[in-house]
Amino acid sequence: MKDVNDNQTADLLPIKRPRGRPRTGSALPGAVRQAKYRAKLAENTVTVTFNRDDVPALKLLLANPNPALDVDQDTLDRLVATLFTSALEQGR
């Protein structure tokens, strides 16, 4: 039996909690987190290569879209802007 007046016993002394948020044990190293982030970003972009001779045809198709495809105007504007920007960056 333990004496309640005994403050020398280790299991009766309060244990001070460490500072900060407790560890969960499921933290990833920085390199793994960065690799996951880059993989997630890579899913969002697509690289397509066109011949320079095909750019006028692409511009014509984007200016006169097929109504049966049901592509909204925002998507078309984004495609046109991307095409024009990439054509200017390539020095055409």
C-alpha atoms as a PDB file:
ATOM      1  CA  MET A   1       0.000   0.000   0.000  1.00  0.00           C
ATOM      2  CA  LYS A   2       1.243   3.482  -0.839  1.00  0.00           C
ATOM      3  CA  ASP A   3       1.394   6.382   1.500  1.00  0.00           C
ATOM      4  CA  VAL A   4      -0.419   9.450   0.107  1.00  0.00           C
ATOM      5  CA  ASN A   5       1.971  11.741   1.954  1.00  0.00           C
ATOM      6  CA  ASP A   6       5.007  10.179   0.279  1.00  0.00           C
ATOM      7  CA  ASN A   7       6.075  12.580  -2.498  1.00  0.00           C
ATOM      8  CA  GLN A   8       9.337  10.769  -3.123  1.00  0.00           C
ATOM      9  CA  THR A   9       7.798   7.837  -4.970  1.00  0.00           C
ATOM     10  CA  ALA A  10       8.240   8.290  -8.717  1.00  0.00           C
ATOM     11  CA  ASP A  11       4.839   7.019  -9.837  1.00  0.00           C
ATOM     12  CA  LEU A  12       3.042   9.523  -7.629  1.00  0.00           C
ATOM     13  CA  LEU A  13       4.878  12.530  -9.037  1.00  0.00           C
ATOM     14  CA  PRO A  14       3.115  14.213 -11.957  1.00  0.00           C
ATOM     15  CA  ILE A  15       4.847  13.717 -15.317  1.00  0.00           C
ATOM     16  CA  LYS A  16       5.386  16.921 -17.225  1.00  0.00           C
ATOM     17  CA  ARG A  17       4.153  16.636 -20.829  1.00  0.00           C
ATOM     18  CA  PRO A  18       6.556  17.631 -23.613  1.00  0.00           C
ATOM     19  CA  ARG A  19       5.961  20.827 -25.541  1.00  0.00           C
ATOM     20  CA  GLY A  20       4.228  20.908 -28.894  1.00  0.00           C
ATOM     21  CA  ARG A  21       1.864  18.652 -30.732  1.00  0.00           C
ATOM     22  CA  PRO A  22       2.093  14.933 -29.920  1.00  0.00           C
ATOM     23  CA  ARG A  23       3.703  12.727 -32.567  1.00  0.00           C
ATOM     24  CA  THR A  24       1.451  10.400 -34.537  1.00  0.00           C
ATOM     25  CA  GLY A  25       4.218   8.242 -35.958  1.00  0.00           C
ATOM     26  CA  SER A  26       2.902   8.545 -39.518  1.00  0.00           C
ATOM     27  CA  ALA A  27       4.975  11.546 -40.617  1.00  0.00           C
ATOM     28  CA  LEU A  28       6.675  11.281 -44.014  1.00  0.00           C
ATOM     29  CA  PRO A  29      10.240  12.399 -44.714  1.00  0.00           C
ATOM     30  CA  GLY A  30      10.629  15.641 -46.629  1.00  0.00           C
ATOM     31  CA  ALA A  31      11.783  13.917 -49.828  1.00  0.00           C
ATOM     32  CA  VAL A  32       8.704  11.687 -49.912  1.00  0.00           C
ATOM     33  CA  ARG A  33       6.365  14.611 -49.292  1.00  0.00           C
ATOM     34  CA  GLN A  34       8.053  16.607 -52.075  1.00  0.00           C
ATOM     35  CA  ALA A  35       7.832  13.639 -54.472  1.00  0.00           C
ATOM     36  CA  LYS A  36       4.114  13.266 -53.762  1.00  0.00           C
ATOM     37  CA  TYR A  37       3.610  16.997 -54.324  1.00  0.00           C
ATOM     38  CA  ARG A  38       5.458  16.915 -57.653  1.00  0.00           C
ATOM     39  CA  ALA A  39       3.502  13.859 -58.777  1.00  0.00           C
ATOM     40  CA  LYS A  40       0.265  15.654 -57.925  1.00  0.00           C
ATOM     41  CA  LEU A  41       1.344  18.700 -59.939  1.00  0.00           C
ATOM     42  CA  ALA A  42       2.385  16.518 -62.867  1.00  0.00           C
ATOM     43  CA  GLU A  43      -1.148  15.134 -63.073  1.00  0.00           C
ATOM     44  CA  ASN A  44      -2.517  18.615 -63.740  1.00  0.00           C
ATOM     45  CA  THR A  45      -0.450  19.473 -66.808  1.00  0.00           C
ATOM     46  CA  VAL A  46      -0.109  17.858 -70.198  1.00  0.00           C
ATOM     47  CA  THR A  47       2.656  18.509 -72.708  1.00  0.00           C
ATOM     48  CA  VAL A  48       1.629  18.276 -76.348  1.00  0.00           C
ATOM     49  CA  THR A  49       3.892  18.866 -79.338  1.00  0.00           C
ATOM     50  CA  PHE A  50       2.474  20.271 -82.582  1.00  0.00           C
ATOM     51  CA  ASN A  51       4.165  20.859 -85.882  1.00  0.00           C
ATOM     52  CA  ARG A  52       4.446  24.532 -86.747  1.00  0.00           C
ATOM     53  CA  ASP A  53       2.476  23.906 -89.940  1.00  0.00           C
ATOM     54  CA  ASP A  54      -0.482  22.635 -87.877  1.00  0.00           C
ATOM     55  CA  VAL A  55      -0.830  25.760 -85.703  1.00  0.00           C
ATOM     56  CA  PRO A  56      -3.036  27.668 -88.220  1.00  0.00           C
ATOM     57  CA  ALA A  57      -5.351  24.660 -88.474  1.00  0.00           C
ATOM     58  CA  LEU A  58      -5.564  24.479 -84.682  1.00  0.00           C
ATOM     59  CA  LYS A  59      -6.381  28.175 -84.495  1.00  0.00           C
ATOM     60  CA  LEU A  60      -9.121  27.695 -87.080  1.00  0.00           C
ATOM     61  CA  LEU A  61     -10.586  24.729 -85.210  1.00  0.00           C
ATOM     62  CA  LEU A  62     -10.562  26.627 -81.922  1.00  0.00           C
ATOM     63  CA  ALA A  63     -12.162  29.683 -83.540  1.00  0.00           C
ATOM     64  CA  ASN A  64     -14.948  27.545 -85.059  1.00  0.00           C
ATOM     65  CA  PRO A  65     -15.640  24.689 -82.618  1.00  0.00           C
ATOM     66  CA  ASN A  66     -17.986  21.830 -83.465  1.00  0.00           C
ATOM     67  CA  PRO A  67     -21.259  22.353 -81.530  1.00  0.00           C
ATOM     68  CA  ALA A  68     -21.750  18.583 -81.281  1.00  0.00           C
ATOM     69  CA  LEU A  69     -18.711  18.364 -78.965  1.00  0.00           C
ATOM     70  CA  ASP A  70     -20.438  20.577 -76.362  1.00  0.00           C
ATOM     71  CA  VAL A  71     -17.271  22.335 -75.165  1.00  0.00           C
ATOM     72  CA  ASP A  72     -17.960  25.403 -73.012  1.00  0.00           C
ATOM     73  CA  GLN A  73     -16.549  28.801 -73.942  1.00  0.00           C
ATOM     74  CA  ASP A  74     -14.275  29.046 -70.881  1.00  0.00           C
ATOM     75  CA  THR A  75     -12.470  25.865 -71.896  1.00  0.00           C
ATOM     76  CA  LEU A  76     -12.075  27.106 -75.457  1.00  0.00           C
ATOM     77  CA  ASP A  77     -10.712  30.460 -74.247  1.00  0.00           C
ATOM     78  CA  ARG A  78      -8.230  28.683 -71.988  1.00  0.00           C
ATOM     79  CA  LEU A  79      -7.060  26.446 -74.863  1.00  0.00           C
ATOM     80  CA  VAL A  80      -6.683  29.423 -77.200  1.00  0.00           C
ATOM     81  CA  ALA A  81      -4.701  31.373 -74.602  1.00  0.00           C
ATOM     82  CA  THR A  82      -2.432  28.397 -73.970  1.00  0.00           C
ATOM     83  CA  LEU A  83      -1.861  27.809 -77.663  1.00  0.00           C
ATOM     84  CA  PHE A  84      -1.073  31.463 -78.360  1.00  0.00           C
ATOM     85  CA  THR A  85       1.193  31.763 -75.328  1.00  0.00           C
ATOM     86  CA  SER A  86       3.165  28.660 -76.237  1.00  0.00           C
ATOM     87  CA  ALA A  87       3.435  29.752 -79.875  1.00  0.00           C
ATOM     88  CA  LEU A  88       4.822  33.138 -78.792  1.00  0.00           C
ATOM     89  CA  GLU A  89       7.270  31.512 -76.355  1.00  0.00           C
ATOM     90  CA  GLN A  90       8.561  29.223 -79.100  1.00  0.00           C
ATOM     91  CA  GLY A  91       9.370  32.215 -81.267  1.00  0.00           C
ATOM     92  CA  ARG A  92       6.735  31.748 -83.914  1.00  0.00           C
END
